[in-house]
Structures are given as structure tokens and as C-alpha cells.
Amino acid sequence: MAALDDTPTQSQLEKEGDIAADYIEEFLDICDLDGDIDIDARNGRAYLSVNASDEGNLRVLSKPDTVNALQELTRLAVQNKTGSFSRLILDIGGSRDAREAELAVLVTRAVERIEGGAAEAALPAMSSYERKLVHDLVAARGYTSASHGEGRDRHTVITAI
């Protein structure tokens, strides 16, 4: 499914989004939950956002661990249909924005430790997508960051430039 440089085309990302939307729609039907699904394709990824006029309707699904688990299941559903790995990002009820705000607080606290004299500050283990967000936040603050560890223990360490 991917192009020669392994970057999916816009058409391929739109197809991923459509497959993922069908999967999520069926999941919401099974759970008897209402939700509007928006599909976007940018930065080499398909993005799905699920929102409802009654946000309480999606509250149980918008918890970080639940979103991550459902995202992995959705990626597997897409991979099953396309035969290619999916880097799809799923957002439920604004969960990604909420998590990005939490990560910004973690980065601020880590930078404060460094400004207080620490040589480096390690953050907790997190997903590759969350580490990417952290790297961007850290760079914007004028610091450097690198990922360390393997698998579920992979985390970000922040240092001064």
C-alpha cells in the first residue's frame, strides 16, 4: 500500500480513514453509543476524531488507555483490509488534546528541574506518538530530547542544549 519511500499517498491515507471509520462506527453501534466521525489525512497519517453532542456519551471511551487500545484494534482492522501497517491516530471526545496538555505540563516540570540544576530530566514511558509530541514541545522550549529504553519502557530524556 505504501509508496516507494514508505510514505502513504493521500489516497491511501483516505482509504485507511474510511476503513477505520467503518470499524469505529460498527464498534459504536455494538456499544450503543452515538458519535460523529471526522476523517483527516495529514503528516503521513490518517486521523479519526469521534465526537458527540453529549460528551458524557463518550466519556468511558475517552480515557487514555481505552483510546490507545481502541486505536490499536482499529489499526489492526485497517491492516487486515489493506495488508499494510497503519499509523492511524484516533481521538475520542478530545482525548488527544487533553493528553497533549498533560504532556506540556510534564515538559514544563522537567524543564524547571533542569533550570534548577539537574543535568537531565526523564519522563515516564509513553507511546511513540506521545514521545513525538514531547520532542516537539521540548524543541520549542529550546532544549533537546532523546528516547531511551525498549518496548513499553521507552521514554524521553530531556537535556539542555
N, C-alpha and C. Protein backbone atom coordinates (compact mmCIF):
# COMPACT_ATOMS: atom_id res chain seq x y z
N MET A 1 0.80 -1.19 0.00
CA MET A 1 0.00 0.00 0.00
C MET A 1 0.85 1.26 0.00
N ALA A 2 2.03 1.27 0.61
CA ALA A 2 2.84 2.47 0.71
C ALA A 2 3.63 2.70 -0.56
N ALA A 3 4.01 3.96 -0.77
CA ALA A 3 4.83 4.32 -1.92
C ALA A 3 6.25 3.81 -1.70
N LEU A 4 7.12 4.02 -2.69
CA LEU A 4 8.48 3.52 -2.62
C LEU A 4 9.22 4.02 -1.38
N ASP A 5 8.97 5.24 -0.94
CA ASP A 5 9.66 5.77 0.24
C ASP A 5 8.91 5.42 1.54
N ASP A 6 7.95 4.52 1.46
CA ASP A 6 7.16 4.05 2.60
C ASP A 6 6.22 5.11 3.19
N THR A 7 6.10 6.25 2.54
CA THR A 7 5.15 7.26 2.95
C THR A 7 3.86 7.03 2.18
N PRO A 8 2.76 6.78 2.90
CA PRO A 8 1.50 6.54 2.19
C PRO A 8 1.05 7.76 1.40
N THR A 9 0.40 7.52 0.29
CA THR A 9 -0.13 8.60 -0.52
C THR A 9 -1.39 9.14 0.15
N GLN A 10 -1.83 10.30 -0.30
CA GLN A 10 -3.07 10.89 0.23
C GLN A 10 -4.24 9.93 0.01
N SER A 11 -4.28 9.31 -1.15
CA SER A 11 -5.34 8.36 -1.47
C SER A 11 -5.32 7.16 -0.52
N GLN A 12 -4.14 6.67 -0.23
CA GLN A 12 -4.02 5.53 0.69
C GLN A 12 -4.44 5.92 2.10
N LEU A 13 -4.08 7.13 2.52
CA LEU A 13 -4.48 7.60 3.85
C LEU A 13 -5.99 7.78 3.93
N GLU A 14 -6.60 8.27 2.86
CA GLU A 14 -8.05 8.41 2.84
C GLU A 14 -8.73 7.05 2.92
N LYS A 15 -8.16 6.05 2.23
CA LYS A 15 -8.70 4.69 2.29
C LYS A 15 -8.58 4.15 3.72
N GLU A 16 -7.43 4.36 4.36
CA GLU A 16 -7.26 3.95 5.76
C GLU A 16 -8.33 4.59 6.63
N GLY A 17 -8.53 5.90 6.43
CA GLY A 17 -9.52 6.62 7.22
C GLY A 17 -10.92 6.07 7.03
N ASP A 18 -11.27 5.74 5.80
CA ASP A 18 -12.59 5.17 5.52
C ASP A 18 -12.77 3.81 6.18
N ILE A 19 -11.75 2.96 6.09
CA ILE A 19 -11.82 1.63 6.71
C ILE A 19 -11.94 1.78 8.23
N ALA A 20 -11.11 2.67 8.80
CA ALA A 20 -11.13 2.89 10.24
C ALA A 20 -12.48 3.45 10.69
N ALA A 21 -13.04 4.37 9.91
CA ALA A 21 -14.34 4.96 10.26
C ALA A 21 -15.43 3.89 10.27
N ASP A 22 -15.40 2.99 9.29
CA ASP A 22 -16.38 1.90 9.26
C ASP A 22 -16.23 1.02 10.50
N TYR A 23 -14.99 0.72 10.88
CA TYR A 23 -14.73 -0.12 12.05
C TYR A 23 -15.24 0.56 13.32
N ILE A 24 -14.91 1.85 13.49
CA ILE A 24 -15.32 2.58 14.69
C ILE A 24 -16.84 2.74 14.72
N GLU A 25 -17.44 2.99 13.58
CA GLU A 25 -18.90 3.12 13.53
C GLU A 25 -19.57 1.83 13.98
N GLU A 26 -19.06 0.71 13.52
CA GLU A 26 -19.61 -0.58 13.95
C GLU A 26 -19.39 -0.79 15.44
N PHE A 27 -18.22 -0.43 15.93
CA PHE A 27 -17.92 -0.55 17.36
C PHE A 27 -18.90 0.30 18.18
N LEU A 28 -19.12 1.55 17.78
CA LEU A 28 -20.06 2.41 18.49
C LEU A 28 -21.47 1.83 18.47
N ASP A 29 -21.87 1.25 17.34
CA ASP A 29 -23.20 0.62 17.25
C ASP A 29 -23.32 -0.53 18.24
N ILE A 30 -22.30 -1.36 18.31
CA ILE A 30 -22.31 -2.50 19.24
C ILE A 30 -22.42 -2.01 20.68
N CYS A 31 -21.73 -0.91 20.99
CA CYS A 31 -21.74 -0.34 22.34
C CYS A 31 -22.98 0.52 22.60
N ASP A 32 -23.80 0.71 21.57
CA ASP A 32 -24.98 1.56 21.65
C ASP A 32 -24.61 2.99 22.08
N LEU A 33 -23.54 3.52 21.43
CA LEU A 33 -23.08 4.89 21.66
C LEU A 33 -23.23 5.70 20.39
N ASP A 34 -23.55 6.97 20.56
CA ASP A 34 -23.65 7.87 19.42
C ASP A 34 -22.34 8.63 19.28
N GLY A 35 -21.95 8.87 18.05
CA GLY A 35 -20.74 9.66 17.81
C GLY A 35 -20.64 10.06 16.36
N ASP A 36 -20.12 11.25 16.14
CA ASP A 36 -19.84 11.73 14.79
C ASP A 36 -18.36 11.49 14.52
N ILE A 37 -18.07 10.98 13.33
CA ILE A 37 -16.69 10.64 12.99
C ILE A 37 -16.19 11.59 11.91
N ASP A 38 -15.05 12.21 12.17
CA ASP A 38 -14.38 13.07 11.20
C ASP A 38 -13.08 12.39 10.80
N ILE A 39 -12.79 12.43 9.51
CA ILE A 39 -11.57 11.81 8.98
C ILE A 39 -10.69 12.90 8.39
N ASP A 40 -9.40 12.81 8.68
CA ASP A 40 -8.44 13.74 8.12
C ASP A 40 -7.18 12.95 7.76
N ALA A 41 -6.43 13.43 6.80
CA ALA A 41 -5.17 12.82 6.41
C ALA A 41 -4.13 13.92 6.32
N ARG A 42 -3.10 13.83 7.18
CA ARG A 42 -2.04 14.84 7.18
C ARG A 42 -0.78 14.25 7.81
N ASN A 43 0.35 14.82 7.45
CA ASN A 43 1.65 14.40 8.01
C ASN A 43 1.88 12.90 7.91
N GLY A 44 1.42 12.30 6.82
CA GLY A 44 1.65 10.87 6.61
C GLY A 44 0.82 9.95 7.48
N ARG A 45 -0.25 10.46 8.07
CA ARG A 45 -1.11 9.65 8.93
C ARG A 45 -2.57 9.95 8.64
N ALA A 46 -3.40 8.96 8.88
CA ALA A 46 -4.85 9.16 8.88
C ALA A 46 -5.25 9.49 10.32
N TYR A 47 -6.13 10.47 10.48
CA TYR A 47 -6.61 10.89 11.80
C TYR A 47 -8.12 10.70 11.83
N LEU A 48 -8.60 10.08 12.89
CA LEU A 48 -10.03 9.91 13.10
C LEU A 48 -10.40 10.58 14.42
N SER A 49 -11.43 11.41 14.38
CA SER A 49 -11.95 12.05 15.59
C SER A 49 -13.38 11.62 15.78
N VAL A 50 -13.69 11.17 16.97
CA VAL A 50 -15.05 10.78 17.32
C VAL A 50 -15.55 11.77 18.37
N ASN A 51 -16.65 12.43 18.07
CA ASN A 51 -17.23 13.40 18.98
C ASN A 51 -18.73 13.17 19.07
N ALA A 52 -19.31 13.66 20.14
CA ALA A 52 -20.76 13.55 20.32
C ALA A 52 -21.26 14.84 20.94
N SER A 53 -22.50 15.20 20.63
CA SER A 53 -23.09 16.41 21.21
C SER A 53 -23.19 16.24 22.73
N ASP A 54 -23.40 15.03 23.18
CA ASP A 54 -23.42 14.71 24.61
C ASP A 54 -22.09 14.02 24.93
N GLU A 55 -21.08 14.83 25.35
CA GLU A 55 -19.74 14.28 25.59
C GLU A 55 -19.74 13.18 26.65
N GLY A 56 -20.70 13.19 27.56
CA GLY A 56 -20.80 12.14 28.56
C GLY A 56 -21.00 10.78 27.91
N ASN A 57 -21.57 10.81 26.72
CA ASN A 57 -21.80 9.60 25.94
C ASN A 57 -20.48 8.87 25.65
N LEU A 58 -19.41 9.62 25.43
CA LEU A 58 -18.13 9.03 25.05
C LEU A 58 -17.11 9.02 26.19
N ARG A 59 -17.49 9.48 27.36
CA ARG A 59 -16.56 9.63 28.47
C ARG A 59 -15.78 8.34 28.76
N VAL A 60 -16.46 7.22 28.81
CA VAL A 60 -15.78 5.97 29.14
C VAL A 60 -14.75 5.58 28.07
N LEU A 61 -15.02 5.96 26.82
CA LEU A 61 -14.09 5.62 25.74
C LEU A 61 -12.94 6.62 25.62
N SER A 62 -13.05 7.80 26.22
CA SER A 62 -12.04 8.83 26.03
C SER A 62 -10.90 8.77 27.03
N LYS A 63 -10.88 7.77 27.89
CA LYS A 63 -9.77 7.58 28.82
C LYS A 63 -8.54 7.14 28.03
N PRO A 64 -7.36 7.66 28.37
CA PRO A 64 -6.15 7.39 27.56
C PRO A 64 -5.89 5.92 27.25
N ASP A 65 -5.97 5.05 28.24
CA ASP A 65 -5.71 3.63 27.98
C ASP A 65 -6.75 3.03 27.04
N THR A 66 -7.98 3.46 27.18
CA THR A 66 -9.05 2.96 26.31
C THR A 66 -8.85 3.44 24.88
N VAL A 67 -8.51 4.72 24.73
CA VAL A 67 -8.26 5.28 23.39
C VAL A 67 -7.10 4.53 22.73
N ASN A 68 -6.01 4.32 23.48
CA ASN A 68 -4.86 3.61 22.92
C ASN A 68 -5.21 2.19 22.51
N ALA A 69 -5.98 1.50 23.33
CA ALA A 69 -6.38 0.13 23.00
C ALA A 69 -7.27 0.10 21.76
N LEU A 70 -8.23 1.00 21.72
CA LEU A 70 -9.14 1.06 20.57
C LEU A 70 -8.38 1.49 19.31
N GLN A 71 -7.41 2.37 19.47
CA GLN A 71 -6.58 2.77 18.34
C GLN A 71 -5.82 1.57 17.78
N GLU A 72 -5.26 0.75 18.65
CA GLU A 72 -4.52 -0.44 18.19
C GLU A 72 -5.45 -1.42 17.48
N LEU A 73 -6.64 -1.63 18.02
CA LEU A 73 -7.61 -2.51 17.37
C LEU A 73 -8.01 -1.96 16.00
N THR A 74 -8.18 -0.65 15.92
CA THR A 74 -8.56 -0.02 14.65
C THR A 74 -7.42 -0.14 13.64
N ARG A 75 -6.19 0.05 14.10
CA ARG A 75 -5.02 -0.11 13.21
C ARG A 75 -4.96 -1.54 12.67
N LEU A 76 -5.25 -2.52 13.54
CA LEU A 76 -5.25 -3.92 13.10
C LEU A 76 -6.35 -4.17 12.07
N ALA A 77 -7.50 -3.57 12.27
CA ALA A 77 -8.60 -3.72 11.31
C ALA A 77 -8.20 -3.14 9.96
N VAL A 78 -7.54 -1.99 9.97
CA VAL A 78 -7.08 -1.36 8.73
C VAL A 78 -6.03 -2.24 8.07
N GLN A 79 -5.07 -2.71 8.87
CA GLN A 79 -4.01 -3.57 8.33
C GLN A 79 -4.58 -4.84 7.73
N ASN A 80 -5.60 -5.41 8.36
CA ASN A 80 -6.24 -6.61 7.85
C ASN A 80 -6.85 -6.38 6.47
N LYS A 81 -7.41 -5.19 6.26
CA LYS A 81 -8.05 -4.87 4.97
C LYS A 81 -7.05 -4.45 3.90
N THR A 82 -5.98 -3.74 4.31
CA THR A 82 -5.05 -3.18 3.32
C THR A 82 -3.79 -4.01 3.14
N GLY A 83 -3.45 -4.80 4.15
CA GLY A 83 -2.20 -5.56 4.09
C GLY A 83 -0.98 -4.74 4.46
N SER A 84 -1.19 -3.48 4.88
CA SER A 84 -0.08 -2.60 5.23
C SER A 84 -0.25 -2.05 6.64
N PHE A 85 0.88 -1.82 7.31
CA PHE A 85 0.89 -1.23 8.64
C PHE A 85 0.23 0.14 8.62
N SER A 86 -0.54 0.44 9.63
CA SER A 86 -1.22 1.72 9.74
C SER A 86 -0.67 2.51 10.92
N ARG A 87 -0.48 3.81 10.71
CA ARG A 87 -0.04 4.72 11.77
C ARG A 87 -1.19 5.64 12.18
N LEU A 88 -2.41 5.19 11.95
CA LEU A 88 -3.62 5.94 12.23
C LEU A 88 -3.63 6.47 13.66
N ILE A 89 -4.15 7.68 13.82
CA ILE A 89 -4.31 8.29 15.14
C ILE A 89 -5.81 8.44 15.40
N LEU A 90 -6.23 7.98 16.58
CA LEU A 90 -7.64 8.04 16.97
C LEU A 90 -7.80 9.02 18.13
N ASP A 91 -8.78 9.88 18.02
CA ASP A 91 -9.13 10.82 19.07
C ASP A 91 -10.59 10.60 19.41
N ILE A 92 -10.87 10.46 20.69
CA ILE A 92 -12.26 10.28 21.12
C ILE A 92 -12.59 11.36 22.14
N GLY A 93 -13.57 12.17 21.79
CA GLY A 93 -14.04 13.20 22.71
C GLY A 93 -12.96 14.18 23.15
N GLY A 94 -12.01 14.49 22.26
CA GLY A 94 -10.95 15.45 22.60
C GLY A 94 -9.83 14.87 23.44
N SER A 95 -9.74 13.55 23.50
CA SER A 95 -8.74 12.90 24.34
C SER A 95 -7.31 13.25 23.95
N ARG A 96 -7.04 13.44 22.68
CA ARG A 96 -5.67 13.76 22.24
C ARG A 96 -5.26 15.16 22.68
N ASP A 97 -6.16 16.13 22.57
CA ASP A 97 -5.85 17.48 23.04
C ASP A 97 -5.61 17.49 24.55
N ALA A 98 -6.43 16.74 25.27
CA ALA A 98 -6.27 16.66 26.73
C ALA A 98 -4.92 16.03 27.08
N ARG A 99 -4.53 14.98 26.36
CA ARG A 99 -3.25 14.33 26.62
C ARG A 99 -2.08 15.25 26.25
N GLU A 100 -2.21 15.99 25.16
CA GLU A 100 -1.15 16.92 24.78
C GLU A 100 -0.96 17.99 25.86
N ALA A 101 -2.04 18.45 26.46
CA ALA A 101 -1.95 19.43 27.55
C ALA A 101 -1.24 18.81 28.76
N GLU A 102 -1.54 17.54 29.06
CA GLU A 102 -0.86 16.85 30.16
C GLU A 102 0.63 16.72 29.88
N LEU A 103 0.98 16.41 28.63
CA LEU A 103 2.38 16.28 28.26
C LEU A 103 3.10 17.62 28.38
N ALA A 104 2.42 18.70 28.02
CA ALA A 104 3.02 20.03 28.13
C ALA A 104 3.35 20.35 29.59
N VAL A 105 2.49 19.93 30.51
CA VAL A 105 2.76 20.13 31.94
C VAL A 105 3.98 19.30 32.36
N LEU A 106 4.07 18.05 31.89
CA LEU A 106 5.23 17.22 32.21
C LEU A 106 6.52 17.85 31.70
N VAL A 107 6.49 18.38 30.49
CA VAL A 107 7.67 19.02 29.91
C VAL A 107 8.05 20.26 30.72
N THR A 108 7.07 21.05 31.09
CA THR A 108 7.34 22.25 31.90
C THR A 108 8.01 21.88 33.21
N ARG A 109 7.53 20.87 33.88
CA ARG A 109 8.12 20.43 35.15
C ARG A 109 9.54 19.92 34.93
N ALA A 110 9.76 19.18 33.85
CA ALA A 110 11.10 18.65 33.55
C ALA A 110 12.07 19.79 33.25
N VAL A 111 11.64 20.77 32.49
CA VAL A 111 12.49 21.93 32.17
C VAL A 111 12.81 22.70 33.45
N GLU A 112 11.85 22.83 34.35
CA GLU A 112 12.09 23.50 35.62
C GLU A 112 13.15 22.77 36.43
N ARG A 113 13.16 21.42 36.39
CA ARG A 113 14.20 20.65 37.10
C ARG A 113 15.58 20.93 36.50
N ILE A 114 15.64 21.01 35.18
CA ILE A 114 16.92 21.29 34.51
C ILE A 114 17.38 22.71 34.83
N GLU A 115 16.45 23.66 34.77
CA GLU A 115 16.80 25.04 35.11
C GLU A 115 17.21 25.18 36.57
N GLY A 116 16.77 24.24 37.40
CA GLY A 116 17.14 24.20 38.81
C GLY A 116 18.47 23.51 39.06
N GLY A 117 19.11 23.04 38.00
CA GLY A 117 20.45 22.45 38.16
C GLY A 117 20.58 20.99 37.78
N ALA A 118 19.50 20.31 37.49
CA ALA A 118 19.60 18.89 37.09
C ALA A 118 20.24 18.80 35.70
N ALA A 119 21.04 17.78 35.48
CA ALA A 119 21.69 17.59 34.18
C ALA A 119 20.69 17.13 33.13
N GLU A 120 19.69 16.36 33.57
CA GLU A 120 18.67 15.86 32.66
C GLU A 120 17.41 15.56 33.44
N ALA A 121 16.34 15.35 32.71
CA ALA A 121 15.06 15.00 33.34
C ALA A 121 14.39 13.94 32.48
N ALA A 122 14.08 12.80 33.09
CA ALA A 122 13.43 11.70 32.38
C ALA A 122 11.92 11.76 32.61
N LEU A 123 11.18 11.51 31.55
CA LEU A 123 9.73 11.45 31.64
C LEU A 123 9.30 9.98 31.69
N PRO A 124 8.06 9.72 32.09
CA PRO A 124 7.59 8.33 32.13
C PRO A 124 7.52 7.72 30.72
N ALA A 125 7.44 6.41 30.67
CA ALA A 125 7.28 5.70 29.40
C ALA A 125 5.98 6.14 28.74
N MET A 126 6.01 6.22 27.41
CA MET A 126 4.82 6.61 26.66
C MET A 126 4.91 6.09 25.24
N SER A 127 3.82 6.22 24.51
CA SER A 127 3.75 5.73 23.13
C SER A 127 4.65 6.56 22.22
N SER A 128 4.93 6.03 21.04
CA SER A 128 5.77 6.74 20.09
C SER A 128 5.13 8.07 19.68
N TYR A 129 3.83 8.09 19.52
CA TYR A 129 3.14 9.32 19.16
C TYR A 129 3.29 10.36 20.28
N GLU A 130 3.14 9.95 21.52
CA GLU A 130 3.28 10.87 22.64
C GLU A 130 4.73 11.35 22.75
N ARG A 131 5.70 10.46 22.52
CA ARG A 131 7.11 10.88 22.54
C ARG A 131 7.38 11.91 21.46
N LYS A 132 6.77 11.73 20.28
CA LYS A 132 6.92 12.71 19.20
C LYS A 132 6.38 14.07 19.64
N LEU A 133 5.23 14.08 20.28
CA LEU A 133 4.68 15.34 20.79
C LEU A 133 5.62 15.97 21.80
N VAL A 134 6.18 15.15 22.69
CA VAL A 134 7.12 15.66 23.70
C VAL A 134 8.35 16.24 23.03
N HIS A 135 8.91 15.53 22.04
CA HIS A 135 10.09 16.05 21.34
C HIS A 135 9.80 17.43 20.74
N ASP A 136 8.62 17.59 20.15
CA ASP A 136 8.24 18.88 19.57
C ASP A 136 8.11 19.96 20.64
N LEU A 137 7.48 19.62 21.77
CA LEU A 137 7.32 20.58 22.87
C LEU A 137 8.68 20.98 23.44
N VAL A 138 9.56 20.02 23.60
CA VAL A 138 10.89 20.27 24.16
C VAL A 138 11.69 21.18 23.22
N ALA A 139 11.67 20.88 21.93
CA ALA A 139 12.40 21.69 20.96
C ALA A 139 11.90 23.13 20.97
N ALA A 140 10.60 23.30 21.09
CA ALA A 140 10.02 24.64 21.12
C ALA A 140 10.48 25.43 22.35
N ARG A 141 10.86 24.72 23.40
CA ARG A 141 11.34 25.36 24.63
C ARG A 141 12.85 25.61 24.60
N GLY A 142 13.53 25.13 23.53
CA GLY A 142 14.97 25.35 23.40
C GLY A 142 15.83 24.31 24.08
N TYR A 143 15.27 23.14 24.30
CA TYR A 143 16.01 22.04 24.92
C TYR A 143 16.10 20.88 23.92
N THR A 144 16.85 19.85 24.28
CA THR A 144 16.94 18.67 23.43
C THR A 144 16.32 17.49 24.16
N SER A 145 15.93 16.51 23.39
CA SER A 145 15.35 15.30 23.98
C SER A 145 15.71 14.10 23.13
N ALA A 146 15.74 12.96 23.77
CA ALA A 146 16.02 11.70 23.08
C ALA A 146 15.21 10.60 23.75
N SER A 147 14.83 9.61 22.96
CA SER A 147 14.10 8.47 23.50
C SER A 147 15.10 7.41 23.96
N HIS A 148 14.81 6.80 25.10
CA HIS A 148 15.66 5.76 25.67
C HIS A 148 14.80 4.58 26.07
N GLY A 149 15.40 3.40 26.11
CA GLY A 149 14.69 2.20 26.53
C GLY A 149 14.08 1.46 25.36
N GLU A 150 13.47 0.34 25.67
CA GLU A 150 12.88 -0.53 24.66
C GLU A 150 11.43 -0.83 24.99
N GLY A 151 10.65 -1.06 23.94
CA GLY A 151 9.26 -1.52 24.10
C GLY A 151 8.44 -0.60 24.99
N ARG A 152 7.73 -1.21 25.94
CA ARG A 152 6.83 -0.46 26.82
C ARG A 152 7.57 0.46 27.78
N ASP A 153 8.90 0.27 27.93
CA ASP A 153 9.70 1.10 28.82
C ASP A 153 10.32 2.30 28.12
N ARG A 154 10.05 2.46 26.83
CA ARG A 154 10.66 3.56 26.07
C ARG A 154 10.12 4.89 26.58
N HIS A 155 11.04 5.79 26.89
CA HIS A 155 10.69 7.07 27.49
C HIS A 155 11.59 8.17 26.92
N THR A 156 11.30 9.40 27.28
CA THR A 156 12.04 10.55 26.77
C THR A 156 12.88 11.15 27.90
N VAL A 157 14.13 11.50 27.54
CA VAL A 157 15.02 12.20 28.47
C VAL A 157 15.31 13.57 27.87
N ILE A 158 15.13 14.59 28.68
CA ILE A 158 15.31 15.98 28.26
C ILE A 158 16.62 16.50 28.84
N THR A 159 17.39 17.23 28.02
CA THR A 159 18.63 17.85 28.46
C THR A 159 18.70 19.27 27.89
N ALA A 160 19.57 20.09 28.52
CA ALA A 160 19.81 21.43 27.98
C ALA A 160 20.69 21.28 26.74
N ILE A 161 20.60 22.25 25.84
CA ILE A 161 21.40 22.19 24.61
C ILE A 161 22.84 22.45 24.93
